[in-house]
Amino acid sequence: MQDNSGQSAQYAFERAQALLRAGEFKAARTQAQEGLDALGPHPGLYLVLGRAHTAENDDDHDTAAERAYRMGPAAFPDDPDRWPRTPSSAGPAR
């Protein structure tokens, strides 16, 4: 397993974020979750995961989004600068 601050985590984050921005919400969630599973906690991946769930604009995704948004601070409790800030820019409107 690679350190979660390495290039692989950054690549996974950038790829997931690009998918999110392209409106590929399911693919963004998959990329973010796969990155978390393979590389461990990464605040950006939690943020993308939460935003991708939020962007679905469906009640079934609300709980998953909230859980993802809480995981960043839970994983990095002593480092608030790494916590996701806000779910406000979830991606393109549908």
C-alpha atoms as a PDB file:
ATOM      1  CA  MET A   1       0.000   0.000   0.000  1.00  0.00           C
ATOM      2  CA  GLN A   2       1.290   3.416  -0.877  1.00  0.00           C
ATOM      3  CA  ASP A   3       1.359   6.412   1.465  1.00  0.00           C
ATOM      4  CA  ASN A   4      -1.898   8.350   1.117  1.00  0.00           C
ATOM      5  CA  SER A   5      -0.013  11.587   0.469  1.00  0.00           C
ATOM      6  CA  GLY A   6       1.857  10.134  -2.544  1.00  0.00           C
ATOM      7  CA  GLN A   7       1.344  10.536  -6.243  1.00  0.00           C
ATOM      8  CA  SER A   8      -1.155   7.678  -6.492  1.00  0.00           C
ATOM      9  CA  ALA A   9      -3.551   9.345  -4.047  1.00  0.00           C
ATOM     10  CA  GLN A  10      -3.182  12.648  -5.866  1.00  0.00           C
ATOM     11  CA  TYR A  11      -3.831  10.953  -9.203  1.00  0.00           C
ATOM     12  CA  ALA A  12      -6.920   9.170  -7.844  1.00  0.00           C
ATOM     13  CA  PHE A  13      -8.197  12.479  -6.445  1.00  0.00           C
ATOM     14  CA  GLU A  14      -7.593  14.373  -9.693  1.00  0.00           C
ATOM     15  CA  ARG A  15      -9.212  11.630 -11.768  1.00  0.00           C
ATOM     16  CA  ALA A  16     -12.260  11.430  -9.472  1.00  0.00           C
ATOM     17  CA  GLN A  17     -12.587  15.206  -9.480  1.00  0.00           C
ATOM     18  CA  ALA A  18     -12.390  15.347 -13.275  1.00  0.00           C
ATOM     19  CA  LEU A  19     -15.153  12.748 -13.525  1.00  0.00           C
ATOM     20  CA  LEU A  20     -17.262  14.723 -11.068  1.00  0.00           C
ATOM     21  CA  ARG A  21     -16.812  17.938 -13.051  1.00  0.00           C
ATOM     22  CA  ALA A  22     -17.778  16.079 -16.226  1.00  0.00           C
ATOM     23  CA  GLY A  23     -21.055  15.038 -14.612  1.00  0.00           C
ATOM     24  CA  GLU A  24     -20.001  11.390 -14.378  1.00  0.00           C
ATOM     25  CA  PHE A  25     -21.198  11.028 -10.792  1.00  0.00           C
ATOM     26  CA  LYS A  26     -21.223   7.241 -10.561  1.00  0.00           C
ATOM     27  CA  ALA A  27     -17.757   6.982 -12.108  1.00  0.00           C
ATOM     28  CA  ALA A  28     -16.488   9.704  -9.756  1.00  0.00           C
ATOM     29  CA  ARG A  29     -17.851   7.790  -6.756  1.00  0.00           C
ATOM     30  CA  THR A  30     -16.260   4.583  -7.996  1.00  0.00           C
ATOM     31  CA  GLN A  31     -12.878   6.252  -8.582  1.00  0.00           C
ATOM     32  CA  ALA A  32     -12.927   7.951  -5.179  1.00  0.00           C
ATOM     33  CA  GLN A  33     -13.962   4.784  -3.336  1.00  0.00           C
ATOM     34  CA  GLU A  34     -11.380   2.664  -5.146  1.00  0.00           C
ATOM     35  CA  GLY A  35      -8.712   5.218  -4.236  1.00  0.00           C
ATOM     36  CA  LEU A  36      -9.766   5.152  -0.584  1.00  0.00           C
ATOM     37  CA  ASP A  37      -9.860   1.350  -0.552  1.00  0.00           C
ATOM     38  CA  ALA A  38      -6.418   1.025  -2.127  1.00  0.00           C
ATOM     39  CA  LEU A  39      -4.609   3.974  -0.586  1.00  0.00           C
ATOM     40  CA  GLY A  40      -6.336   4.682   2.694  1.00  0.00           C
ATOM     41  CA  PRO A  41      -7.799   7.953   3.968  1.00  0.00           C
ATOM     42  CA  HIS A  42      -7.434  11.018   1.775  1.00  0.00           C
ATOM     43  CA  PRO A  43      -9.497  14.150   2.461  1.00  0.00           C
ATOM     44  CA  GLY A  44      -9.901  15.038  -1.203  1.00  0.00           C
ATOM     45  CA  LEU A  45     -11.240  11.601  -2.053  1.00  0.00           C
ATOM     46  CA  TYR A  46     -13.778  11.841   0.766  1.00  0.00           C
ATOM     47  CA  LEU A  47     -14.813  15.255  -0.535  1.00  0.00           C
ATOM     48  CA  VAL A  48     -15.289  14.022  -4.108  1.00  0.00           C
ATOM     49  CA  LEU A  49     -17.176  10.992  -2.842  1.00  0.00           C
ATOM     50  CA  GLY A  50     -19.531  13.222  -0.862  1.00  0.00           C
ATOM     51  CA  ARG A  51     -19.987  15.682  -3.716  1.00  0.00           C
ATOM     52  CA  ALA A  52     -20.710  12.890  -6.186  1.00  0.00           C
ATOM     53  CA  HIS A  53     -23.420  11.540  -3.893  1.00  0.00           C
ATOM     54  CA  THR A  54     -24.820  15.048  -3.361  1.00  0.00           C
ATOM     55  CA  ALA A  55     -24.904  15.705  -7.103  1.00  0.00           C
ATOM     56  CA  GLU A  56     -27.221  12.751  -7.631  1.00  0.00           C
ATOM     57  CA  ASN A  57     -29.904  14.856  -5.917  1.00  0.00           C
ATOM     58  CA  ASP A  58     -31.630  11.747  -4.644  1.00  0.00           C
ATOM     59  CA  ASP A  59     -32.659  10.917  -1.090  1.00  0.00           C
ATOM     60  CA  ASP A  60     -30.903   7.554  -1.300  1.00  0.00           C
ATOM     61  CA  HIS A  61     -27.583   9.359  -1.683  1.00  0.00           C
ATOM     62  CA  ASP A  62     -28.057  11.829   1.186  1.00  0.00           C
ATOM     63  CA  THR A  63     -26.874   9.488   3.934  1.00  0.00           C
ATOM     64  CA  ALA A  64     -23.891   8.330   1.893  1.00  0.00           C
ATOM     65  CA  ALA A  65     -22.921  11.936   1.158  1.00  0.00           C
ATOM     66  CA  GLU A  66     -23.136  12.908   4.809  1.00  0.00           C
ATOM     67  CA  ARG A  67     -21.049   9.898   5.820  1.00  0.00           C
ATOM     68  CA  ALA A  68     -18.354  10.781   3.256  1.00  0.00           C
ATOM     69  CA  TYR A  69     -18.261  14.428   4.402  1.00  0.00           C
ATOM     70  CA  ARG A  70     -17.732  13.311   7.997  1.00  0.00           C
ATOM     71  CA  MET A  71     -14.934  10.882   7.175  1.00  0.00           C
ATOM     72  CA  GLY A  72     -12.338  13.560   6.329  1.00  0.00           C
ATOM     73  CA  PRO A  73     -12.411  15.164   9.780  1.00  0.00           C
ATOM     74  CA  ALA A  74     -12.660  11.729  11.400  1.00  0.00           C
ATOM     75  CA  ALA A  75      -9.572  10.522   9.528  1.00  0.00           C
ATOM     76  CA  PHE A  76      -7.576  13.695  10.235  1.00  0.00           C
ATOM     77  CA  PRO A  77      -8.904  15.045  13.572  1.00  0.00           C
ATOM     78  CA  ASP A  78      -5.727  16.970  14.400  1.00  0.00           C
ATOM     79  CA  ASP A  79      -5.307  18.544  10.982  1.00  0.00           C
ATOM     80  CA  PRO A  80      -8.334  20.733  10.130  1.00  0.00           C
ATOM     81  CA  ASP A  81      -6.506  22.229   7.138  1.00  0.00           C
ATOM     82  CA  ARG A  82      -6.988  18.872   5.386  1.00  0.00           C
ATOM     83  CA  TRP A  83     -10.738  18.666   6.054  1.00  0.00           C
ATOM     84  CA  PRO A  84     -13.176  19.157   3.213  1.00  0.00           C
ATOM     85  CA  ARG A  85     -14.699  22.623   3.407  1.00  0.00           C
ATOM     86  CA  THR A  86     -18.184  22.508   1.934  1.00  0.00           C
ATOM     87  CA  PRO A  87     -20.390  20.461  -0.358  1.00  0.00           C
ATOM     88  CA  SER A  88     -21.581  23.598  -2.161  1.00  0.00           C
ATOM     89  CA  SER A  89     -19.863  22.969  -5.499  1.00  0.00           C
ATOM     90  CA  ALA A  90     -21.126  19.486  -6.196  1.00  0.00           C
ATOM     91  CA  GLY A  91     -20.673  19.684  -9.934  1.00  0.00           C
ATOM     92  CA  PRO A  92     -22.856  20.495 -12.888  1.00  0.00           C
ATOM     93  CA  ALA A  93     -26.573  20.856 -12.331  1.00  0.00           C
ATOM     94  CA  ARG A  94     -28.723  18.108 -13.725  1.00  0.00           C
END
